[in-house]
Amino acid sequence: MAKVVLEGWREGIKAVSFVKLQNEILGIGLKESKANFDNLLDDIQITLEIDNENLAQYFLKEADKIGVICRFIK
């Protein structure tokens, strides 16, 4: 199991893109995805546990593209 820690965000992050990314790649529900976005904006770190390491790496790469500051933990 891999973990991705969402630590913060960069200027220009878009709520819809972030919520959609979580929903489509990780299967996280819309309500939880939106809550994660709100927490991120409030400077609350979020740790996502992902069963597949390759999927975690892919999510990390895509999240970085849309302005999420995140890191991978094995």
C-alpha atoms as a PDB file:
ATOM      1  CA  MET A   1       0.000   0.000   0.000  1.00  0.00           C
ATOM      2  CA  ALA A   2       1.224   3.471  -0.883  1.00  0.00           C
ATOM      3  CA  LYS A   3       0.352   6.811   0.638  1.00  0.00           C
ATOM      4  CA  VAL A   4       0.116  10.198  -0.983  1.00  0.00           C
ATOM      5  CA  VAL A   5       0.272  13.194   1.325  1.00  0.00           C
ATOM      6  CA  LEU A   6      -1.454  16.315   0.048  1.00  0.00           C
ATOM      7  CA  GLU A   7       0.452  19.112   1.756  1.00  0.00           C
ATOM      8  CA  GLY A   8      -0.812  22.295   0.155  1.00  0.00           C
ATOM      9  CA  TRP A   9      -1.735  24.034  -3.046  1.00  0.00           C
ATOM     10  CA  ARG A  10      -0.399  26.495  -5.568  1.00  0.00           C
ATOM     11  CA  GLU A  11      -2.126  29.572  -6.924  1.00  0.00           C
ATOM     12  CA  GLY A  12      -4.602  28.658  -9.639  1.00  0.00           C
ATOM     13  CA  ILE A  13      -5.786  25.296  -8.295  1.00  0.00           C
ATOM     14  CA  LYS A  14      -9.322  24.531  -9.457  1.00  0.00           C
ATOM     15  CA  ALA A  15     -11.829  22.757  -7.229  1.00  0.00           C
ATOM     16  CA  VAL A  16     -13.579  20.916 -10.049  1.00  0.00           C
ATOM     17  CA  SER A  17     -10.330  19.508 -11.464  1.00  0.00           C
ATOM     18  CA  PHE A  18      -9.158  18.316  -8.049  1.00  0.00           C
ATOM     19  CA  VAL A  19     -12.512  16.747  -7.125  1.00  0.00           C
ATOM     20  CA  LYS A  20     -12.758  15.076 -10.539  1.00  0.00           C
ATOM     21  CA  LEU A  21      -9.198  13.742 -10.268  1.00  0.00           C
ATOM     22  CA  GLN A  22      -9.900  12.065  -6.918  1.00  0.00           C
ATOM     23  CA  ASN A  23     -13.202  10.688  -8.119  1.00  0.00           C
ATOM     24  CA  GLU A  24     -12.020   9.299 -11.447  1.00  0.00           C
ATOM     25  CA  ILE A  25      -8.603   7.940 -10.481  1.00  0.00           C
ATOM     26  CA  LEU A  26      -9.143   6.859  -6.872  1.00  0.00           C
ATOM     27  CA  GLY A  27     -12.907   6.293  -6.792  1.00  0.00           C
ATOM     28  CA  ILE A  28     -13.395   8.727  -3.907  1.00  0.00           C
ATOM     29  CA  GLY A  29     -16.974   9.995  -3.660  1.00  0.00           C
ATOM     30  CA  LEU A  30     -17.801  13.559  -4.622  1.00  0.00           C
ATOM     31  CA  LYS A  31     -18.662  14.630  -1.062  1.00  0.00           C
ATOM     32  CA  GLU A  32     -15.361  13.345   0.348  1.00  0.00           C
ATOM     33  CA  SER A  33     -13.412  14.745  -2.612  1.00  0.00           C
ATOM     34  CA  LYS A  34     -14.917  18.200  -2.034  1.00  0.00           C
ATOM     35  CA  ALA A  35     -14.155  17.934   1.708  1.00  0.00           C
ATOM     36  CA  ASN A  36     -10.531  17.075   0.839  1.00  0.00           C
ATOM     37  CA  PHE A  37     -10.360  20.175  -1.360  1.00  0.00           C
ATOM     38  CA  ASP A  38     -11.774  22.383   1.391  1.00  0.00           C
ATOM     39  CA  ASN A  39      -9.324  20.936   3.922  1.00  0.00           C
ATOM     40  CA  LEU A  40      -6.436  21.510   1.542  1.00  0.00           C
ATOM     41  CA  LEU A  41      -7.421  25.177   1.176  1.00  0.00           C
ATOM     42  CA  ASP A  42      -7.524  25.415   4.993  1.00  0.00           C
ATOM     43  CA  ASP A  43      -3.911  24.126   5.120  1.00  0.00           C
ATOM     44  CA  ILE A  44      -4.906  20.739   6.546  1.00  0.00           C
ATOM     45  CA  GLN A  45      -2.693  17.910   5.265  1.00  0.00           C
ATOM     46  CA  ILE A  46      -4.515  14.953   3.779  1.00  0.00           C
ATOM     47  CA  THR A  47      -3.114  11.436   3.575  1.00  0.00           C
ATOM     48  CA  LEU A  48      -4.614   9.149   0.961  1.00  0.00           C
ATOM     49  CA  GLU A  49      -3.930   5.414   1.188  1.00  0.00           C
ATOM     50  CA  ILE A  50      -3.840   3.854  -2.255  1.00  0.00           C
ATOM     51  CA  ASP A  51      -3.676   0.091  -2.801  1.00  0.00           C
ATOM     52  CA  ASN A  52      -1.752   0.243  -6.065  1.00  0.00           C
ATOM     53  CA  GLU A  53       1.656   1.955  -6.043  1.00  0.00           C
ATOM     54  CA  ASN A  54       1.543   2.705  -9.777  1.00  0.00           C
ATOM     55  CA  LEU A  55      -1.872   4.309  -9.358  1.00  0.00           C
ATOM     56  CA  ALA A  56      -0.513   6.378  -6.466  1.00  0.00           C
ATOM     57  CA  GLN A  57       2.392   7.596  -8.605  1.00  0.00           C
ATOM     58  CA  TYR A  58       0.005   8.466 -11.438  1.00  0.00           C
ATOM     59  CA  PHE A  59      -2.304  10.353  -9.065  1.00  0.00           C
ATOM     60  CA  LEU A  60       0.690  12.240  -7.648  1.00  0.00           C
ATOM     61  CA  LYS A  61       1.806  13.314 -11.123  1.00  0.00           C
ATOM     62  CA  GLU A  62      -1.682  14.434 -12.161  1.00  0.00           C
ATOM     63  CA  ALA A  63      -2.335  16.245  -8.868  1.00  0.00           C
ATOM     64  CA  ASP A  64       0.930  18.145  -9.258  1.00  0.00           C
ATOM     65  CA  LYS A  65      -0.161  19.272 -12.738  1.00  0.00           C
ATOM     66  CA  ILE A  66      -3.302  20.915 -11.352  1.00  0.00           C
ATOM     67  CA  GLY A  67      -1.544  22.689  -8.509  1.00  0.00           C
ATOM     68  CA  VAL A  68      -1.524  20.307  -5.544  1.00  0.00           C
ATOM     69  CA  ILE A  69       1.666  20.148  -3.487  1.00  0.00           C
ATOM     70  CA  CYS A  70       2.021  16.482  -2.618  1.00  0.00           C
ATOM     71  CA  ARG A  71       4.502  13.730  -1.916  1.00  0.00           C
ATOM     72  CA  PHE A  72       4.630   9.946  -2.123  1.00  0.00           C
ATOM     73  CA  ILE A  73       5.268   7.626   0.825  1.00  0.00           C
ATOM     74  CA  LYS A  74       5.856   3.882   0.393  1.00  0.00           C
END
